[in-house]
Amino acid sequence: MKGLIGLFLILISQVSIAVEQAETIFKQLAPSLYQIRLIDKASGEKSSIGSGFQISSDGLIATNYHVISSFARHPEKYRIEYLDNKGNKALLTLKSIDVINDLALVKRETDAEMPFFEISQNIPTKGEELYSLGNPHDLGMIVVPGTYNGLKKESFNDRIHFTGSVNSGMSGGPVVNKETQVVGINVATSGNQIGFLVPHDKLLALISQYQKGALLTIEEQMENQLQANQKELVATLLSSDWQLKKLGEGLIPTIDVPFIRCWGESNADKDDALIMLAVANCSLDENTYIAGNFFTGSLEMEYRFMQAKKLSDTKFYQLFQRQIARVMPGNKAGKDDVSEFECQHDIIMPEHQNINNKAVFCTRAYKDFADLYDVLYLGVSIDRHDQALLSHFTFAGVSQKSAQAFTKKFMESVSWK
């Protein structure tokens, strides 16, 4: 009993120390923390809010790109403001962005040198206690203790796994170590004390680029960043191991990289089913936010094997057609963002493969970003009367060259056993 009481007192003491440390950090850093507000010019009301923190004595402030994305895309409609810890408000100007890592630099006017956050030069150690700062739900600045758990393994672009509550409105706020040095930037949450941070080295790279001067426009920066990221992603996918796996009587490819996850299901246990169906899906578990409902960078692959059990060829074909009709592009985008899909239809007989496909290849162009497209491919086997293999992928935000290379390898990797 005494042992339990002693353990309880130790835990209480540790919690008390953590709270005191958080309060000390808050008081020290509060003058350099801001609420970042996007104001709709026509109504004069807030369109969105987030957090930001000063990173230089002359008023340079870091935040998330998604906090100011509407201004970046439509500066004529919005303005950016800050609210400081004393209730002062003023305009901010957008200086630079990193859309892939969800970062932005904005700047306030200053009359004198101001306090600012120091950015760490070192990576935290696993299990190290960190403090997330921000402005959740417009309630004022708060500090949330948490733990560094290393980089998220299932991610193409680096994200830190943080055990702590990164709440809405804390986006763009800093995460600091006990020395009050920034080691990450709040970006997302998965609930249940799971948060994700942008590593501080991404911010250091953006600051370095900004300090070199002669920056491109915001739109040009975004286009270059999207182009470079998709080029690196497709090169990584094409150079990785494409493993062939059985799906019914077919062979389908999966790509052996940690950031693409696969799952499957079937109705093989249902004896009364008219059609035997086995499904496998693989997807890239992240994307890049541009604005509104416009996301890009996603990849989804789907495979369906179907075999008629108690159906005529005609009925089997009709049910199969319903499966084909469900195929949709993998990302949402509006008519202001992308063109209509244009499609090509053909009969494909891949070299060295024992399958004939009726194939549909569709693309739609991004209106504001040169040589970026959403791509949709659908292949349907046509060489067996009671069996069918459907292979499908959608890839968002890729160049024409990347799309052609990926499609070629995808088509050549699907076959019958």
Protein backbone atom coordinates (compact mmCIF):
# COMPACT_ATOMS: atom_id res chain seq x y z
CA MET A 1 0.00 0.00 0.00
CA LYS A 2 2.82 2.39 0.95
CA GLY A 3 4.48 1.60 -2.36
CA LEU A 4 1.35 2.59 -4.28
CA ILE A 5 1.02 5.81 -2.31
CA GLY A 6 4.67 6.61 -3.01
CA LEU A 7 4.21 5.96 -6.74
CA PHE A 8 1.09 8.13 -6.76
CA LEU A 9 2.98 11.00 -5.08
CA ILE A 10 5.80 10.70 -7.62
CA LEU A 11 3.31 10.89 -10.50
CA ILE A 12 1.62 13.93 -8.95
CA SER A 13 5.02 15.56 -8.54
CA GLN A 14 5.92 14.87 -12.19
CA VAL A 15 2.62 16.32 -13.40
CA SER A 16 3.14 19.40 -11.22
CA ILE A 17 6.64 19.91 -12.62
CA ALA A 18 5.35 19.54 -16.22
CA VAL A 19 2.61 22.11 -15.57
CA GLU A 20 5.10 24.55 -14.04
CA GLN A 21 7.44 24.10 -17.03
CA ALA A 22 4.56 24.69 -19.45
CA GLU A 23 3.51 27.86 -17.60
CA THR A 24 7.09 29.17 -17.63
CA ILE A 25 7.44 28.48 -21.34
CA PHE A 26 4.10 30.16 -22.06
CA LYS A 27 5.01 33.36 -20.19
CA GLN A 28 8.40 33.53 -21.87
CA LEU A 29 7.14 32.94 -25.42
CA ALA A 30 3.66 34.50 -25.45
CA PRO A 31 4.85 37.87 -26.92
CA SER A 32 6.14 36.04 -30.00
CA LEU A 33 2.97 33.98 -30.56
CA TYR A 34 0.11 35.14 -32.77
CA GLN A 35 -3.32 34.22 -33.91
CA ILE A 36 -3.31 34.35 -37.71
CA ARG A 37 -6.63 35.45 -39.18
CA LEU A 38 -7.88 35.31 -42.74
CA ILE A 39 -10.45 38.08 -43.25
CA ASP A 40 -13.00 38.09 -46.04
CA LYS A 41 -12.80 41.64 -47.45
CA ALA A 42 -16.45 41.83 -48.51
CA SER A 43 -17.94 40.85 -45.15
CA GLY A 44 -15.09 41.97 -42.90
CA GLU A 45 -15.46 38.73 -40.93
CA LYS A 46 -12.98 35.95 -40.18
CA SER A 47 -12.85 33.22 -42.81
CA SER A 48 -10.36 31.03 -40.92
CA ILE A 49 -7.93 31.20 -38.02
CA GLY A 50 -4.70 29.52 -37.09
CA SER A 51 -1.52 30.18 -35.19
CA GLY A 52 1.89 31.61 -36.03
CA PHE A 53 5.17 32.48 -34.34
CA GLN A 54 7.81 35.10 -34.92
CA ILE A 55 11.16 33.83 -36.20
CA SER A 56 13.13 37.05 -36.68
CA SER A 57 13.52 40.39 -34.89
CA ASP A 58 12.14 42.29 -37.89
CA GLY A 59 8.69 40.66 -37.86
CA LEU A 60 8.95 37.49 -39.98
CA ILE A 61 6.34 34.95 -38.83
CA ALA A 62 5.96 31.24 -39.64
CA THR A 63 2.59 29.49 -39.97
CA ASN A 64 0.94 26.70 -41.98
CA TYR A 65 0.23 27.17 -45.66
CA HIS A 66 -3.31 25.87 -45.20
CA VAL A 67 -4.05 28.67 -42.72
CA ILE A 68 -3.49 31.32 -45.42
CA SER A 69 -4.19 29.19 -48.53
CA SER A 70 -7.32 31.11 -49.56
CA PHE A 71 -5.31 34.34 -49.64
CA ALA A 72 -2.50 32.65 -51.59
CA ARG A 73 -5.00 31.57 -54.24
CA HIS A 74 -7.30 34.64 -54.13
CA PRO A 75 -5.47 37.68 -52.68
CA GLU A 76 -8.12 39.99 -54.13
CA LYS A 77 -10.78 38.46 -51.88
CA TYR A 78 -8.95 38.18 -48.53
CA ARG A 79 -6.48 39.89 -46.25
CA ILE A 80 -4.25 38.38 -43.55
CA GLU A 81 -4.16 39.82 -40.02
CA TYR A 82 -2.49 38.93 -36.75
CA LEU A 83 -3.75 39.19 -33.20
CA ASP A 84 -1.00 39.36 -30.55
CA ASN A 85 -1.08 38.45 -26.86
CA LYS A 86 -2.10 42.02 -25.93
CA GLY A 87 -5.04 42.13 -28.30
CA ASN A 88 -3.35 44.22 -30.99
CA LYS A 89 -4.29 43.61 -34.64
CA ALA A 90 -2.55 44.55 -37.88
CA LEU A 91 -2.03 43.40 -41.45
CA LEU A 92 0.41 40.73 -42.57
CA THR A 93 2.02 40.29 -45.98
CA LEU A 94 2.62 36.85 -47.51
CA LYS A 95 6.30 36.39 -48.35
CA SER A 96 6.89 32.73 -49.23
CA ILE A 97 5.34 29.25 -49.08
CA ASP A 98 6.20 25.56 -49.05
CA VAL A 99 2.97 23.91 -50.16
CA ILE A 100 4.37 20.36 -49.90
CA ASN A 101 5.33 20.79 -46.23
CA ASP A 102 2.35 23.05 -45.44
CA LEU A 103 4.46 26.06 -44.43
CA ALA A 104 4.21 29.79 -45.06
CA LEU A 105 6.13 32.92 -44.10
CA VAL A 106 4.22 36.13 -43.41
CA LYS A 107 5.57 39.48 -42.18
CA ARG A 108 4.34 42.24 -39.89
CA GLU A 109 5.54 45.83 -39.73
CA THR A 110 7.80 46.66 -36.77
CA ASP A 111 9.26 49.88 -35.37
CA ALA A 112 11.95 48.19 -33.32
CA GLU A 113 13.57 44.80 -32.82
CA MET A 114 11.20 42.24 -31.32
CA PRO A 115 11.58 38.94 -29.43
CA PHE A 116 11.41 35.82 -31.58
CA PHE A 117 11.65 32.04 -31.40
CA GLU A 118 14.99 30.32 -31.86
CA ILE A 119 14.87 27.31 -34.19
CA SER A 120 16.76 24.24 -33.00
CA GLN A 121 19.67 22.87 -35.00
CA ASN A 122 19.19 19.38 -33.54
CA ILE A 123 16.61 16.61 -33.86
CA PRO A 124 14.80 15.65 -30.61
CA THR A 125 15.48 12.27 -29.05
CA LYS A 126 12.72 9.67 -28.99
CA GLY A 127 10.61 10.09 -25.87
CA GLU A 128 11.75 13.67 -25.31
CA GLU A 129 9.11 15.93 -23.80
CA LEU A 130 7.97 18.76 -26.06
CA TYR A 131 5.46 21.60 -25.80
CA SER A 132 2.95 22.49 -28.51
CA LEU A 133 1.76 26.10 -28.55
CA GLY A 134 -1.20 27.56 -30.39
CA ASN A 135 -4.68 29.05 -30.35
CA PRO A 136 -7.39 26.35 -30.37
CA HIS A 137 -10.98 27.36 -31.11
CA ASP A 138 -10.24 31.07 -30.64
CA LEU A 139 -9.79 30.55 -26.88
CA GLY A 140 -6.39 32.24 -26.54
CA MET A 141 -2.87 30.87 -26.54
CA ILE A 142 -2.27 27.58 -24.72
CA VAL A 143 0.59 25.13 -24.15
CA VAL A 144 0.09 21.36 -24.58
CA PRO A 145 2.83 18.99 -23.29
CA GLY A 146 3.57 15.95 -25.43
CA THR A 147 6.24 13.48 -26.52
CA TYR A 148 8.46 13.15 -29.60
CA ASN A 149 7.97 9.73 -31.23
CA GLY A 150 10.16 10.08 -34.31
CA LEU A 151 9.07 10.43 -37.93
CA LYS A 152 5.86 8.87 -39.18
CA LYS A 153 6.92 5.76 -41.10
CA GLU A 154 3.94 5.66 -43.47
CA SER A 155 4.66 9.04 -45.04
CA PHE A 156 6.47 10.05 -48.22
CA ASN A 157 6.98 13.62 -46.96
CA ASP A 158 8.41 13.75 -43.44
CA ARG A 159 6.00 14.25 -40.53
CA ILE A 160 6.78 13.96 -36.81
CA HIS A 161 4.56 11.71 -34.70
CA PHE A 162 3.70 13.76 -31.60
CA THR A 163 1.82 12.37 -28.61
CA GLY A 164 -0.29 15.35 -27.62
CA SER A 165 -3.52 17.15 -28.48
CA VAL A 166 -2.95 19.32 -31.55
CA ASN A 167 -6.36 20.98 -31.67
CA SER A 168 -8.10 22.97 -34.37
CA GLY A 169 -6.69 26.52 -34.39
CA MET A 170 -3.26 25.37 -33.24
CA SER A 171 -2.24 24.80 -36.87
CA GLY A 172 0.91 26.76 -37.61
CA GLY A 173 1.94 27.07 -33.97
CA PRO A 174 5.42 26.05 -32.81
CA VAL A 175 6.44 22.96 -30.87
CA VAL A 176 9.42 23.61 -28.64
CA ASN A 177 11.80 21.65 -26.43
CA LYS A 178 12.67 22.51 -22.81
CA GLU A 179 15.19 25.06 -24.07
CA THR A 180 12.27 26.79 -25.89
CA GLN A 181 13.82 26.02 -29.28
CA VAL A 182 11.43 25.17 -32.13
CA VAL A 183 11.66 21.53 -33.21
CA GLY A 184 8.40 21.26 -35.18
CA ILE A 185 5.29 23.05 -36.41
CA ASN A 186 1.73 21.91 -35.65
CA VAL A 187 0.02 20.64 -38.80
CA ALA A 188 -2.56 17.88 -38.18
CA THR A 189 -4.19 15.54 -35.68
CA SER A 190 -5.62 12.03 -35.78
CA GLY A 191 -7.35 12.34 -32.40
CA ASN A 192 -6.67 10.21 -29.32
CA GLN A 193 -3.54 12.18 -28.40
CA ILE A 194 -1.96 11.64 -31.83
CA GLY A 195 -0.66 14.73 -33.60
CA PHE A 196 1.61 15.36 -36.54
CA LEU A 197 4.23 18.07 -36.93
CA VAL A 198 6.29 19.44 -39.77
CA PRO A 199 9.98 18.90 -38.85
CA HIS A 200 11.89 22.10 -38.10
CA ASP A 201 14.44 21.46 -40.86
CA LYS A 202 11.70 22.09 -43.45
CA LEU A 203 11.18 25.53 -41.94
CA LEU A 204 14.92 26.22 -41.90
CA ALA A 205 15.05 25.37 -45.62
CA LEU A 206 12.16 27.73 -46.39
CA ILE A 207 13.77 30.55 -44.40
CA SER A 208 17.08 29.99 -46.19
CA GLN A 209 15.38 30.18 -49.58
CA TYR A 210 13.55 33.36 -48.56
CA GLN A 211 16.73 35.03 -47.32
CA LYS A 212 18.44 34.46 -50.66
CA GLY A 213 15.99 36.94 -52.19
CA ALA A 214 14.76 37.12 -55.80
CA LEU A 215 11.83 34.87 -54.96
CA LEU A 216 9.32 33.72 -57.53
CA THR A 217 5.66 34.67 -57.21
CA ILE A 218 3.55 32.58 -54.85
CA GLU A 219 1.94 30.79 -57.79
CA GLU A 220 5.33 30.08 -59.38
CA GLN A 221 6.68 28.73 -56.09
CA MET A 222 3.68 26.43 -55.79
CA GLU A 223 4.01 25.14 -59.35
CA ASN A 224 7.73 24.43 -58.95
CA GLN A 225 7.19 22.66 -55.63
CA LEU A 226 4.36 20.49 -56.97
CA GLN A 227 6.41 19.57 -60.04
CA ALA A 228 9.50 18.65 -58.01
CA ASN A 229 7.51 16.58 -55.50
CA GLN A 230 5.63 14.53 -58.10
CA LYS A 231 8.85 13.91 -60.01
CA GLU A 232 10.55 12.57 -56.88
CA LEU A 233 7.50 10.51 -55.88
CA VAL A 234 7.09 8.82 -59.27
CA ALA A 235 10.84 8.14 -59.51
CA THR A 236 10.70 6.49 -56.07
CA LEU A 237 7.70 4.35 -57.05
CA LEU A 238 9.16 3.23 -60.37
CA SER A 239 12.51 2.28 -58.83
CA SER A 240 10.91 0.31 -55.97
CA ASP A 241 10.06 -3.39 -55.98
CA TRP A 242 6.72 -4.14 -57.68
CA GLN A 243 5.59 -7.40 -56.11
CA LEU A 244 3.05 -9.60 -57.93
CA LYS A 245 0.33 -11.07 -55.74
CA LYS A 246 -2.54 -13.46 -56.47
CA LEU A 247 -6.07 -12.13 -56.66
CA GLY A 248 -8.39 -14.98 -57.60
CA GLU A 249 -7.03 -16.25 -60.93
CA GLY A 250 -5.16 -13.01 -61.57
CA LEU A 251 -1.79 -11.50 -60.70
CA ILE A 252 -1.72 -7.88 -59.56
CA PRO A 253 1.11 -5.51 -58.55
CA THR A 254 1.72 -3.94 -55.16
CA ILE A 255 4.56 -1.49 -54.60
CA ASP A 256 6.92 -2.27 -51.73
CA VAL A 257 7.20 1.15 -50.08
CA PRO A 258 6.12 1.99 -46.50
CA PHE A 259 3.93 4.93 -47.51
CA ILE A 260 1.57 2.85 -49.67
CA ARG A 261 -0.78 0.59 -47.74
CA CYS A 262 -2.97 -2.22 -49.09
CA TRP A 263 -6.00 -4.09 -47.84
CA GLY A 264 -8.52 -6.51 -49.32
CA GLU A 265 -11.80 -8.37 -48.95
CA SER A 266 -13.89 -11.03 -50.69
CA ASN A 267 -17.22 -12.83 -50.52
CA ALA A 268 -15.59 -16.28 -50.79
CA ASP A 269 -17.43 -17.39 -47.63
CA LYS A 270 -20.88 -16.76 -49.14
CA ASP A 271 -22.05 -19.92 -50.93
CA ASP A 272 -25.22 -18.26 -52.27
CA ALA A 273 -23.42 -15.41 -54.04
CA LEU A 274 -24.12 -15.21 -57.78
CA ILE A 275 -20.65 -13.90 -58.40
CA MET A 276 -17.40 -14.52 -56.55
CA LEU A 277 -15.71 -11.19 -55.89
CA ALA A 278 -12.24 -10.49 -54.51
CA VAL A 279 -11.05 -6.91 -54.09
CA ALA A 280 -7.65 -5.39 -53.29
CA ASN A 281 -6.96 -1.69 -52.74
CA CYS A 282 -3.66 0.17 -52.29
CA SER A 283 -3.25 3.89 -51.65
CA LEU A 284 -0.80 6.61 -50.76
CA ASP A 285 -1.91 7.69 -47.29
CA GLU A 286 -1.34 11.44 -47.74
CA ASN A 287 -1.92 14.28 -50.17
CA THR A 288 -1.07 17.93 -50.70
CA TYR A 289 -3.62 20.60 -49.87
CA ILE A 290 -3.93 23.50 -52.31
CA ALA A 291 -7.21 25.22 -51.39
CA GLY A 292 -10.85 24.46 -50.55
CA ASN A 293 -11.64 20.99 -51.91
CA PHE A 294 -8.56 21.01 -54.13
CA PHE A 295 -6.10 18.32 -53.01
CA THR A 296 -3.39 16.70 -55.09
CA GLY A 297 -0.57 14.15 -54.90
CA SER A 298 -2.80 11.17 -54.09
CA LEU A 299 -2.46 7.70 -55.60
CA GLU A 300 -5.09 4.96 -55.44
CA MET A 301 -4.90 1.51 -57.03
CA GLU A 302 -7.81 -0.93 -57.10
CA TYR A 303 -8.15 -4.49 -58.39
CA ARG A 304 -11.27 -6.66 -58.69
CA PHE A 305 -11.45 -10.31 -59.67
CA MET A 306 -14.90 -11.64 -60.52
CA GLN A 307 -16.04 -15.14 -61.42
CA ALA A 308 -19.56 -16.14 -62.42
CA LYS A 309 -20.99 -18.94 -60.29
CA LYS A 310 -24.66 -19.19 -61.23
CA LEU A 311 -25.01 -16.65 -64.02
CA SER A 312 -25.25 -16.59 -67.77
CA ASP A 313 -22.54 -14.75 -69.69
CA THR A 314 -24.97 -11.87 -70.35
CA LYS A 315 -25.91 -11.46 -66.70
CA PHE A 316 -22.28 -11.70 -65.64
CA TYR A 317 -21.37 -8.97 -68.11
CA GLN A 318 -24.15 -6.69 -66.78
CA LEU A 319 -23.01 -7.07 -63.17
CA PHE A 320 -19.43 -6.53 -64.22
CA GLN A 321 -20.41 -3.30 -65.97
CA ARG A 322 -21.80 -2.01 -62.66
CA GLN A 323 -18.40 -2.53 -61.06
CA ILE A 324 -16.77 -0.51 -63.86
CA ALA A 325 -19.26 2.34 -63.41
CA ARG A 326 -18.08 2.85 -59.83
CA VAL A 327 -14.62 3.96 -60.92
CA MET A 328 -14.05 7.63 -60.07
CA PRO A 329 -11.08 10.04 -59.89
CA GLY A 330 -9.18 9.85 -56.63
CA ASN A 331 -9.26 13.54 -55.73
CA LYS A 332 -11.84 16.27 -55.62
CA ALA A 333 -11.31 19.43 -57.64
CA GLY A 334 -13.67 22.04 -59.04
CA LYS A 335 -14.16 23.40 -62.53
CA ASP A 336 -12.06 26.44 -61.60
CA ASP A 337 -9.13 24.16 -60.79
CA VAL A 338 -9.12 21.49 -63.52
CA SER A 339 -10.41 20.90 -67.03
CA GLU A 340 -12.87 18.16 -67.98
CA PHE A 341 -11.48 14.64 -68.37
CA GLU A 342 -10.46 13.62 -71.88
CA CYS A 343 -10.32 9.86 -72.46
CA GLN A 344 -8.80 7.41 -74.92
CA HIS A 345 -10.17 3.88 -75.41
CA ASP A 346 -8.14 0.97 -76.77
CA ILE A 347 -7.56 -2.77 -76.71
CA ILE A 348 -4.30 -3.47 -74.86
CA MET A 349 -2.28 -6.67 -75.16
CA PRO A 350 0.84 -6.06 -73.01
CA GLU A 351 4.00 -7.66 -74.32
CA HIS A 352 5.00 -10.86 -72.47
CA GLN A 353 1.63 -10.93 -70.62
CA ASN A 354 -1.23 -13.43 -71.12
CA ILE A 355 -4.11 -10.98 -70.75
CA ASN A 356 -6.10 -8.81 -73.15
CA ASN A 357 -7.66 -5.65 -71.73
CA LYS A 358 -10.12 -3.09 -72.89
CA ALA A 359 -8.42 0.02 -71.51
CA VAL A 360 -9.54 3.56 -70.80
CA PHE A 361 -6.97 6.27 -70.11
CA CYS A 362 -8.23 9.69 -68.99
CA THR A 363 -6.49 12.95 -68.08
CA ARG A 364 -7.57 16.38 -66.93
CA ALA A 365 -5.25 19.39 -66.81
CA TYR A 366 -4.61 21.77 -63.92
CA LYS A 367 -5.62 25.24 -65.06
CA ASP A 368 -3.10 27.20 -62.98
CA PHE A 369 -0.13 24.80 -63.03
CA ALA A 370 1.60 23.87 -66.28
CA ASP A 371 2.12 20.17 -67.13
CA LEU A 372 0.26 18.82 -64.13
CA TYR A 373 -2.62 16.42 -64.65
CA ASP A 374 -4.97 14.08 -62.86
CA VAL A 375 -4.76 10.65 -64.47
CA LEU A 376 -7.30 7.80 -64.44
CA TYR A 377 -6.65 4.36 -65.93
CA LEU A 378 -9.05 1.43 -66.16
CA GLY A 379 -8.25 -1.96 -67.64
CA VAL A 380 -10.87 -4.69 -68.03
CA SER A 381 -9.99 -8.21 -69.18
CA ILE A 382 -11.96 -9.41 -72.21
CA ASP A 383 -10.52 -12.85 -72.87
CA ARG A 384 -12.53 -15.09 -70.46
CA HIS A 385 -16.31 -15.46 -70.60
CA ASP A 386 -16.90 -16.35 -66.93
CA GLN A 387 -13.99 -14.53 -65.27
CA ALA A 388 -12.90 -10.90 -65.30
CA LEU A 389 -10.03 -8.91 -63.83
CA LEU A 390 -10.38 -5.17 -63.37
CA SER A 391 -7.28 -3.05 -62.76
CA HIS A 392 -7.62 0.64 -62.01
CA PHE A 393 -5.60 3.56 -60.69
CA THR A 394 -5.96 7.29 -60.22
CA PHE A 395 -2.94 9.53 -59.76
CA ALA A 396 -3.35 13.22 -58.93
CA GLY A 397 -0.99 16.00 -59.96
CA VAL A 398 1.58 14.30 -62.21
CA SER A 399 3.37 15.43 -65.36
CA GLN A 400 2.72 13.89 -68.75
CA LYS A 401 6.06 12.08 -68.67
CA SER A 402 5.43 10.71 -65.17
CA ALA A 403 1.91 9.59 -66.09
CA GLN A 404 3.11 7.70 -69.15
CA ALA A 405 5.91 5.92 -67.27
CA PHE A 406 3.67 4.88 -64.37
CA THR A 407 0.84 3.72 -66.65
CA LYS A 408 3.19 1.59 -68.75
CA LYS A 409 4.59 -0.24 -65.71
CA PHE A 410 1.12 -0.66 -64.19
CA MET A 411 -0.37 -2.19 -67.36
CA GLU A 412 2.59 -4.54 -67.83
CA SER A 413 2.28 -5.81 -64.23
CA VAL A 414 -1.30 -7.16 -64.46
CA SER A 415 -1.91 -10.65 -65.87
CA TRP A 416 -3.59 -13.99 -65.43
CA LYS A 417 -1.76 -16.64 -63.41
